[in-house]
Amino acid sequence: MLEDYRSVRAQTQFLCDPLEIEDFVVQPIVDVSPLKWHLGHTTWFFETFVLKPNVKGYKEYHPKFPLLFNSYYISAGDRWTRENRGQLTRPTVEEVFAYRRYVNEAMESFLVNSVSSEISDVVILGLNHEQQHQELFLYDIKRILGDNPLHPPYREDGKRKNGVQSPKATWLNVSEGNYEIGFEGVGFHFDNELGRHKVFLHEYEISSQLVTNGEYLEFIKDGGYSNHLLWLSEAWDWVNENQINCPRYWSQEDGGSWWHYSLQGFEKINLDDPLCHISYYEADAFARWKGCRLPTEHEWEVACNTFVNPSSNQANFVEENTFRPIQTTDYDFLGNVWEWTSSPYIAYPYYNPPEGALGEYNGKFMVNQMVLRGGSFGTAKNHIRSTYRNFFHPHLRWMFSGIRLAKHI
């Protein structure tokens, strides 16, 4: 566990390494947190839920840091409002890093000794929680840098993996029947992956590949953003109120060519790469334009378990250091981009959140959001499962989100 703790915390530092101190303090919109807040919040988690309850005589780093770095755990005390995180110039970035060092030293001293299974479960949850924030960290730094007219790159050392060509998309058939959904077995999982239950699925087909930039560009050229018949009513309002006419970070430059901001900087769009930064509204409209639909989360999970061989999977996760969606040779169910499903984020049958503050982790968000599956190029490989349920509001698209199509037989 100590080795795992060191590894996860080191990955956070790795993500920080290319940044300048000014990058850590910006909050352009409410959905984006200042990067220094992510560093403080993931540290607060270990201090609050591991060290303070279990280390006799532990001295809290700063009495006001729980107020600043608590996110939404009402049971854990007062919280600084999310939309005001960017107003705080203090603590400084250096002081937040000092806070991380202080808690790291205490955690390493604590984890040298054996701990109970109950404490171990909280530590493992904390590590998975930090991995979630590592991915959010990448969403947020891309949003911070991506709207800067200078188009500064986050990392110029991202691997392109030239020469890889995705196979042509085919339709994968899944037979009608009863299937079991949700986590089973041993190992870490979030509470919203339970309880395991049966669902009936009609026969369906699901695409072997993610939708590409080139495919989506055809939707744009065909007037997809101006055809109200393709859009849900709420989605059509969103398109018009926000003057949406292309994916997030895309722009049409002089001469008509399409470019986008990537974490490597401003570059011409590669038409064969998987599409990224799409809202649920756009995903649904594109699927309708294609005469298809989005899969349900149950259909997605069954297809992933049917067609993906974990031992031979060549998925594009954060460990690959590509920092972008890329062409791969497999079915792409895991990695590259999170895939929108048509399923609302609601509780499974038999779902019971844990007691106490940690019970607020997932359950209270089960309203007005849609489920995404599969992970992305910003997800850690050991963090994803076929049962993992991510969730976002349908209008959001600053995260690494894309499209896989499905259709009825």
Protein backbone atom coordinates (compact mmCIF):
# COMPACT_ATOMS: atom_id res chain seq x y z
CA MET A 1 0.00 0.00 0.00
CA LEU A 2 2.88 2.37 0.74
CA GLU A 3 4.27 1.70 -2.74
CA ASP A 4 0.86 2.39 -4.28
CA TYR A 5 0.57 5.60 -2.28
CA ARG A 6 3.96 6.82 -3.45
CA SER A 7 3.17 5.90 -7.06
CA VAL A 8 -0.14 7.77 -7.21
CA ARG A 9 1.23 10.87 -5.50
CA ALA A 10 4.26 10.84 -7.82
CA GLN A 11 1.97 10.74 -10.86
CA THR A 12 0.28 13.92 -9.65
CA GLN A 13 3.70 15.57 -9.41
CA PHE A 14 4.53 14.35 -12.92
CA LEU A 15 1.43 16.09 -14.24
CA CYS A 16 2.51 19.29 -12.50
CA ASP A 17 6.08 19.30 -13.81
CA PRO A 18 5.56 21.15 -17.15
CA LEU A 19 3.54 23.97 -15.60
CA GLU A 20 4.42 27.51 -14.61
CA ILE A 21 3.30 28.84 -11.25
CA GLU A 22 0.68 31.11 -12.90
CA ASP A 23 -1.03 28.05 -14.39
CA PHE A 24 -1.99 26.78 -10.93
CA VAL A 25 -4.21 29.69 -9.87
CA VAL A 26 -6.68 30.28 -12.73
CA GLN A 27 -10.40 29.40 -12.67
CA PRO A 28 -11.98 30.48 -15.99
CA ILE A 29 -15.40 28.86 -15.36
CA VAL A 30 -17.16 27.19 -12.44
CA ASP A 31 -16.54 23.68 -13.82
CA VAL A 32 -12.77 24.27 -13.75
CA SER A 33 -11.00 24.33 -10.40
CA PRO A 34 -7.62 26.03 -9.94
CA LEU A 35 -4.95 23.38 -10.22
CA LYS A 36 -3.61 24.20 -6.76
CA TRP A 37 -7.08 23.38 -5.41
CA HIS A 38 -6.84 19.84 -6.81
CA LEU A 39 -3.48 19.45 -5.05
CA GLY A 40 -4.90 20.70 -1.77
CA HIS A 41 -8.15 18.74 -2.01
CA THR A 42 -6.54 15.35 -2.66
CA THR A 43 -4.20 16.03 0.26
CA TRP A 44 -7.10 17.09 2.50
CA PHE A 45 -8.75 13.74 1.77
CA PHE A 46 -5.90 11.74 3.33
CA GLU A 47 -5.53 14.17 6.23
CA THR A 48 -9.26 14.16 7.01
CA PHE A 49 -10.20 10.53 6.50
CA VAL A 50 -6.95 8.70 7.36
CA LEU A 51 -4.58 10.71 9.53
CA LYS A 52 -6.85 12.71 11.85
CA PRO A 53 -9.03 9.74 12.90
CA ASN A 54 -6.21 7.19 13.19
CA VAL A 55 -2.91 8.86 14.16
CA LYS A 56 -2.74 9.77 17.82
CA GLY A 57 -1.44 13.29 18.33
CA TYR A 58 -1.58 14.17 14.64
CA LYS A 59 -1.39 17.95 14.22
CA GLU A 60 -3.49 19.38 11.43
CA TYR A 61 -1.37 21.37 8.95
CA HIS A 62 -3.61 24.45 9.01
CA PRO A 63 -6.97 24.91 10.79
CA LYS A 64 -8.56 26.67 7.81
CA PHE A 65 -7.43 24.25 5.10
CA PRO A 66 -10.44 21.93 5.65
CA LEU A 67 -12.72 24.86 4.79
CA LEU A 68 -10.75 25.64 1.63
CA PHE A 69 -10.20 22.11 0.33
CA ASN A 70 -13.36 20.23 1.24
CA SER A 71 -15.39 19.79 -1.94
CA TYR A 72 -18.93 18.52 -1.35
CA TYR A 73 -18.73 16.42 1.83
CA ILE A 74 -21.32 18.17 3.98
CA SER A 75 -20.72 15.67 6.79
CA ALA A 76 -17.05 16.71 6.88
CA GLY A 77 -17.75 20.37 7.66
CA ASP A 78 -18.06 23.75 5.98
CA ARG A 79 -16.82 24.31 2.43
CA TRP A 80 -15.59 27.24 0.37
CA THR A 81 -17.95 27.59 -2.59
CA ARG A 82 -16.82 26.02 -5.84
CA GLU A 83 -17.36 29.09 -7.99
CA ASN A 84 -15.11 31.14 -5.69
CA ARG A 85 -12.07 28.86 -5.59
CA GLY A 86 -10.25 31.08 -8.07
CA GLN A 87 -10.59 34.16 -5.84
CA LEU A 88 -8.04 32.94 -3.33
CA THR A 89 -4.44 33.97 -3.98
CA ARG A 90 -3.54 32.45 -0.61
CA PRO A 91 -2.48 29.87 0.26
CA THR A 92 0.23 30.24 -2.33
CA VAL A 93 1.09 27.44 -4.71
CA GLU A 94 4.28 26.77 -2.76
CA GLU A 95 2.35 26.51 0.50
CA VAL A 96 -0.03 23.98 -1.06
CA PHE A 97 2.98 21.91 -2.16
CA ALA A 98 4.34 22.21 1.39
CA TYR A 99 0.98 20.92 2.64
CA ARG A 100 1.32 17.90 0.34
CA ARG A 101 4.84 17.21 1.62
CA TYR A 102 3.67 17.46 5.23
CA VAL A 103 0.82 15.00 4.71
CA ASN A 104 2.99 12.70 2.58
CA GLU A 105 5.51 12.38 5.41
CA ALA A 106 2.75 11.58 7.89
CA MET A 107 1.11 9.07 5.55
CA GLU A 108 4.37 7.29 4.81
CA SER A 109 5.13 6.98 8.52
CA PHE A 110 1.62 5.65 9.09
CA LEU A 111 1.67 3.15 6.21
CA VAL A 112 5.02 1.66 7.21
CA ASN A 113 3.04 -0.30 9.78
CA SER A 114 0.19 -2.69 9.07
CA VAL A 115 -3.28 -1.19 9.11
CA SER A 116 -6.74 -2.65 9.53
CA SER A 117 -8.85 -3.64 6.56
CA GLU A 118 -11.20 -0.72 7.30
CA ILE A 119 -8.36 1.80 7.14
CA SER A 120 -6.91 0.07 4.11
CA ASP A 121 -10.23 0.50 2.29
CA VAL A 122 -10.21 4.25 2.98
CA VAL A 123 -6.61 4.61 1.78
CA ILE A 124 -7.42 2.72 -1.43
CA LEU A 125 -10.47 4.92 -1.95
CA GLY A 126 -8.25 7.96 -1.46
CA LEU A 127 -5.82 6.74 -4.11
CA ASN A 128 -8.62 6.17 -6.61
CA HIS A 129 -10.02 9.57 -5.67
CA GLU A 130 -6.66 11.16 -6.48
CA GLN A 131 -6.54 9.33 -9.81
CA GLN A 132 -9.92 10.87 -10.63
CA HIS A 133 -8.52 14.29 -9.84
CA GLN A 134 -5.44 13.62 -11.96
CA GLU A 135 -7.75 13.28 -14.94
CA LEU A 136 -9.73 16.36 -13.91
CA PHE A 137 -6.37 18.13 -13.63
CA LEU A 138 -5.78 17.45 -17.33
CA TYR A 139 -9.29 18.60 -18.28
CA ASP A 140 -8.75 21.81 -16.36
CA ILE A 141 -5.26 22.65 -17.62
CA LYS A 142 -6.48 22.11 -21.18
CA ARG A 143 -9.38 24.51 -20.52
CA ILE A 144 -7.01 27.04 -18.94
CA LEU A 145 -4.46 26.93 -21.77
CA GLY A 146 -6.85 26.11 -24.60
CA ASP A 147 -8.63 29.46 -24.66
CA ASN A 148 -5.39 31.44 -24.47
CA PRO A 149 -4.71 33.15 -27.84
CA LEU A 150 -1.06 32.09 -27.51
CA HIS A 151 -2.16 28.42 -27.60
CA PRO A 152 0.64 27.37 -25.23
CA PRO A 153 1.29 23.62 -25.20
CA TYR A 154 0.97 21.70 -21.96
CA ARG A 155 3.47 19.05 -23.04
CA GLU A 156 5.36 18.93 -26.30
CA ASP A 157 6.69 15.45 -25.57
CA GLY A 158 3.36 13.59 -26.06
CA LYS A 159 3.78 10.44 -28.11
CA ARG A 160 2.05 10.43 -31.48
CA LYS A 161 2.44 6.70 -32.23
CA ASN A 162 2.75 7.27 -35.96
CA GLY A 163 2.07 4.41 -38.32
CA VAL A 164 -0.85 2.96 -36.38
CA GLN A 165 -3.98 2.74 -38.50
CA SER A 166 -7.33 1.84 -36.99
CA PRO A 167 -9.22 -0.98 -38.68
CA LYS A 168 -12.40 -0.04 -40.55
CA ALA A 169 -15.40 0.20 -38.25
CA THR A 170 -17.69 -2.83 -38.28
CA TRP A 171 -20.90 -3.69 -36.46
CA LEU A 172 -20.55 -6.09 -33.54
CA ASN A 173 -23.65 -8.17 -32.86
CA VAL A 174 -24.89 -8.93 -29.35
CA SER A 175 -27.65 -11.50 -28.96
CA GLU A 176 -30.91 -10.95 -27.15
CA GLY A 177 -30.94 -12.27 -23.62
CA ASN A 178 -30.62 -11.73 -19.90
CA TYR A 179 -27.27 -10.38 -18.72
CA GLU A 180 -25.76 -9.51 -15.35
CA ILE A 181 -24.56 -5.93 -14.87
CA GLY A 182 -22.35 -4.39 -12.19
CA PHE A 183 -19.20 -5.24 -10.28
CA GLU A 184 -18.49 -8.70 -8.93
CA GLY A 185 -15.43 -10.38 -7.50
CA VAL A 186 -12.59 -8.88 -5.49
CA GLY A 187 -10.70 -5.64 -5.83
CA PHE A 188 -11.55 -1.99 -5.61
CA HIS A 189 -14.78 -0.61 -7.03
CA PHE A 190 -16.93 2.44 -6.37
CA ASP A 191 -20.22 2.04 -4.56
CA ASN A 192 -22.23 3.11 -7.63
CA GLU A 193 -21.09 -0.05 -9.46
CA LEU A 194 -23.28 -2.09 -7.08
CA GLY A 195 -25.48 -3.99 -6.72
CA ARG A 196 -24.99 -6.52 -9.46
CA HIS A 197 -28.29 -7.23 -11.14
CA LYS A 198 -29.91 -8.76 -14.22
CA VAL A 199 -31.09 -6.84 -17.26
CA PHE A 200 -32.83 -7.99 -20.42
CA LEU A 201 -31.34 -6.71 -23.68
CA HIS A 202 -32.88 -6.96 -27.11
CA GLU A 203 -30.51 -7.96 -29.91
CA TYR A 204 -28.42 -4.98 -30.98
CA GLU A 205 -25.29 -3.97 -32.83
CA ILE A 206 -22.56 -1.69 -31.58
CA SER A 207 -19.72 -0.12 -33.55
CA SER A 208 -16.27 -1.64 -33.23
CA GLN A 209 -14.69 1.82 -33.39
CA LEU A 210 -15.15 5.27 -31.95
CA VAL A 211 -16.48 8.07 -34.14
CA THR A 212 -13.58 9.95 -35.75
CA ASN A 213 -12.93 13.63 -36.35
CA GLY A 214 -13.47 13.06 -40.07
CA GLU A 215 -16.89 11.49 -39.56
CA TYR A 216 -17.98 14.36 -37.34
CA LEU A 217 -16.71 16.90 -39.84
CA GLU A 218 -19.14 15.42 -42.38
CA PHE A 219 -21.94 16.09 -39.88
CA ILE A 220 -20.83 19.73 -39.67
CA LYS A 221 -20.57 20.11 -43.46
CA ASP A 222 -24.06 18.64 -43.85
CA GLY A 223 -25.51 21.39 -41.66
CA GLY A 224 -25.82 19.26 -38.54
CA TYR A 225 -25.73 22.25 -36.22
CA SER A 226 -28.48 24.06 -38.13
CA ASN A 227 -30.98 21.20 -38.52
CA HIS A 228 -33.37 21.38 -35.58
CA LEU A 229 -34.85 17.98 -36.45
CA LEU A 230 -31.66 16.29 -35.23
CA TRP A 231 -31.66 17.85 -31.79
CA LEU A 232 -33.50 17.30 -28.54
CA SER A 233 -35.49 20.42 -27.60
CA GLU A 234 -33.23 21.26 -24.67
CA ALA A 235 -30.19 20.57 -26.83
CA TRP A 236 -31.44 22.86 -29.60
CA ASP A 237 -31.85 25.67 -27.06
CA TRP A 238 -28.29 25.03 -25.89
CA VAL A 239 -26.93 25.19 -29.44
CA ASN A 240 -28.62 28.50 -30.16
CA GLU A 241 -28.10 30.18 -26.81
CA ASN A 242 -24.37 29.38 -26.89
CA GLN A 243 -23.87 29.66 -30.67
CA ILE A 244 -22.38 26.18 -30.87
CA ASN A 245 -21.22 25.09 -34.33
CA CYS A 246 -18.34 22.66 -33.72
CA PRO A 247 -16.72 20.59 -30.95
CA ARG A 248 -14.90 22.26 -28.06
CA TYR A 249 -11.44 23.57 -29.05
CA TRP A 250 -12.16 23.33 -32.80
CA SER A 251 -11.85 26.36 -35.09
CA GLN A 252 -11.93 26.91 -38.84
CA GLU A 253 -8.91 28.91 -39.93
CA ASP A 254 -8.22 30.97 -43.04
CA GLY A 255 -8.59 28.81 -46.09
CA GLY A 256 -11.28 26.70 -44.47
CA SER A 257 -9.07 24.07 -42.81
CA TRP A 258 -10.03 22.85 -39.35
CA TRP A 259 -7.64 23.13 -36.41
CA HIS A 260 -7.94 22.41 -32.73
CA TYR A 261 -6.11 22.96 -29.48
CA SER A 262 -4.53 19.80 -28.10
CA LEU A 263 -2.35 19.41 -25.04
CA GLN A 264 0.58 19.60 -27.48
CA GLY A 265 -0.57 23.01 -28.77
CA PHE A 266 -2.57 24.33 -31.71
CA GLU A 267 -2.53 21.88 -34.61
CA LYS A 268 -4.42 20.76 -37.69
CA ILE A 269 -7.09 18.17 -36.98
CA ASN A 270 -6.17 14.57 -37.79
CA LEU A 271 -9.34 13.25 -39.43
CA ASP A 272 -8.64 9.63 -38.42
CA ASP A 273 -8.25 10.29 -34.70
CA PRO A 274 -11.17 9.64 -32.33
CA LEU A 275 -13.46 12.61 -31.78
CA CYS A 276 -13.13 14.33 -28.40
CA HIS A 277 -14.80 17.08 -26.33
CA ILE A 278 -18.39 16.36 -27.32
CA SER A 279 -21.45 17.03 -25.18
CA TYR A 280 -24.23 14.49 -24.76
CA TYR A 281 -26.41 16.82 -26.82
CA GLU A 282 -23.98 16.67 -29.75
CA ALA A 283 -23.45 12.93 -29.41
CA ASP A 284 -27.20 12.31 -29.52
CA ALA A 285 -27.70 14.60 -32.54
CA PHE A 286 -24.82 12.99 -34.45
CA ALA A 287 -26.19 9.50 -33.77
CA ARG A 288 -29.60 10.56 -35.08
CA TRP A 289 -27.96 12.07 -38.20
CA LYS A 290 -26.26 8.71 -38.82
CA GLY A 291 -29.54 6.81 -38.44
CA CYS A 292 -28.21 5.23 -35.27
CA ARG A 293 -28.37 5.85 -31.52
CA LEU A 294 -26.13 5.86 -28.47
CA PRO A 295 -25.82 2.57 -26.57
CA THR A 296 -27.30 2.22 -23.13
CA GLU A 297 -24.74 1.74 -20.38
CA HIS A 298 -25.91 -1.87 -20.03
CA GLU A 299 -25.37 -2.52 -23.73
CA TRP A 300 -21.95 -0.90 -23.54
CA GLU A 301 -20.88 -3.02 -20.55
CA VAL A 302 -22.02 -6.28 -22.10
CA ALA A 303 -20.28 -5.46 -25.40
CA CYS A 304 -17.06 -4.50 -23.61
CA ASN A 305 -17.05 -7.75 -21.64
CA THR A 306 -17.82 -9.71 -24.82
CA PHE A 307 -15.34 -8.22 -27.26
CA VAL A 308 -12.40 -6.87 -25.20
CA ASN A 309 -9.64 -9.21 -24.12
CA PRO A 310 -7.97 -7.40 -21.19
CA SER A 311 -4.75 -9.40 -21.57
CA SER A 312 -4.23 -8.24 -25.16
CA ASN A 313 -5.81 -4.80 -24.95
CA GLN A 314 -3.63 -2.00 -26.35
CA ALA A 315 -5.69 0.81 -24.88
CA ASN A 316 -4.54 4.42 -24.81
CA PHE A 317 -4.35 5.33 -21.10
CA VAL A 318 -2.40 8.07 -19.32
CA GLU A 319 0.60 5.77 -18.86
CA GLU A 320 1.14 5.89 -22.63
CA ASN A 321 1.92 9.63 -22.30
CA THR A 322 0.16 10.44 -25.56
CA PHE A 323 -2.02 13.12 -23.91
CA ARG A 324 -4.42 12.87 -26.85
CA PRO A 325 -6.87 10.42 -28.42
CA ILE A 326 -5.10 8.35 -31.08
CA GLN A 327 -5.79 5.64 -33.62
CA THR A 328 -5.44 2.16 -32.12
CA THR A 329 -5.68 -1.37 -33.44
CA ASP A 330 -8.27 -2.68 -30.99
CA TYR A 331 -11.95 -1.97 -30.35
CA ASP A 332 -11.23 1.06 -28.17
CA PHE A 333 -13.83 0.24 -25.54
CA LEU A 334 -11.24 1.17 -22.92
CA GLY A 335 -9.12 4.31 -23.04
CA ASN A 336 -8.90 7.12 -25.60
CA VAL A 337 -12.17 8.93 -24.77
CA TRP A 338 -15.09 8.49 -22.40
CA GLU A 339 -18.12 7.30 -24.36
CA TRP A 340 -21.55 8.84 -23.87
CA THR A 341 -24.38 6.40 -23.26
CA SER A 342 -28.10 7.08 -23.40
CA SER A 343 -28.51 6.03 -19.76
CA PRO A 344 -29.35 8.47 -16.98
CA TYR A 345 -27.12 8.27 -13.92
CA ILE A 346 -29.40 6.57 -11.38
CA ALA A 347 -28.98 3.96 -8.66
CA TYR A 348 -28.76 0.28 -9.50
CA PRO A 349 -31.16 -2.09 -7.76
CA TYR A 350 -29.92 -2.94 -4.25
CA TYR A 351 -27.61 0.11 -4.17
CA ASN A 352 -26.73 1.24 -0.65
CA PRO A 353 -24.26 4.10 -0.11
CA PRO A 354 -21.82 3.77 2.80
CA GLU A 355 -22.57 5.55 6.03
CA GLY A 356 -20.87 8.81 6.98
CA ALA A 357 -19.12 11.42 4.84
CA LEU A 358 -17.77 8.87 2.34
CA GLY A 359 -21.35 7.89 1.58
CA GLU A 360 -21.63 11.27 -0.16
CA TYR A 361 -19.12 10.22 -2.81
CA ASN A 362 -21.51 9.10 -5.57
CA GLY A 363 -25.09 8.59 -4.52
CA LYS A 364 -26.22 12.16 -4.04
CA PHE A 365 -25.32 13.04 -7.65
CA MET A 366 -27.78 10.56 -9.15
CA VAL A 367 -29.99 13.14 -10.86
CA ASN A 368 -29.92 15.09 -14.16
CA GLN A 369 -26.68 13.52 -15.38
CA MET A 370 -25.80 10.96 -18.05
CA VAL A 371 -23.45 7.97 -17.81
CA LEU A 372 -20.19 7.69 -19.73
CA ARG A 373 -18.12 4.53 -19.95
CA GLY A 374 -14.64 3.30 -20.79
CA GLY A 375 -12.03 5.79 -19.59
CA SER A 376 -9.80 8.07 -21.65
CA PHE A 377 -6.21 8.94 -22.50
CA GLY A 378 -6.18 10.77 -19.16
CA THR A 379 -7.30 7.75 -17.12
CA ALA A 380 -4.88 5.51 -15.24
CA LYS A 381 -4.88 1.94 -16.53
CA ASN A 382 -5.41 0.42 -13.09
CA HIS A 383 -8.28 2.81 -12.41
CA ILE A 384 -10.76 1.61 -15.05
CA ARG A 385 -13.10 -1.37 -15.26
CA SER A 386 -15.89 -2.37 -17.60
CA THR A 387 -18.30 -1.62 -14.72
CA TYR A 388 -16.95 1.89 -14.01
CA ARG A 389 -19.71 4.53 -14.21
CA ASN A 390 -18.63 8.09 -14.95
CA PHE A 391 -21.28 10.80 -15.11
CA PHE A 392 -21.64 14.38 -16.32
CA HIS A 393 -24.37 16.88 -17.11
CA PRO A 394 -25.42 16.63 -20.79
CA HIS A 395 -24.20 20.08 -21.84
CA LEU A 396 -20.61 19.65 -20.59
CA ARG A 397 -17.74 18.92 -22.96
CA TRP A 398 -14.48 20.12 -21.41
CA MET A 399 -13.83 16.50 -20.38
CA PHE A 400 -12.36 13.88 -22.75
CA SER A 401 -15.67 12.64 -24.16
CA GLY A 402 -16.53 10.96 -27.47
CA ILE A 403 -19.04 8.77 -29.30
CA ARG A 404 -19.64 5.10 -30.05
CA LEU A 405 -22.73 4.27 -32.09
CA ALA A 406 -25.26 1.50 -31.64
CA LYS A 407 -28.40 0.44 -33.47
CA HIS A 408 -31.36 -1.89 -33.22
CA ILE A 409 -31.51 -5.02 -35.34
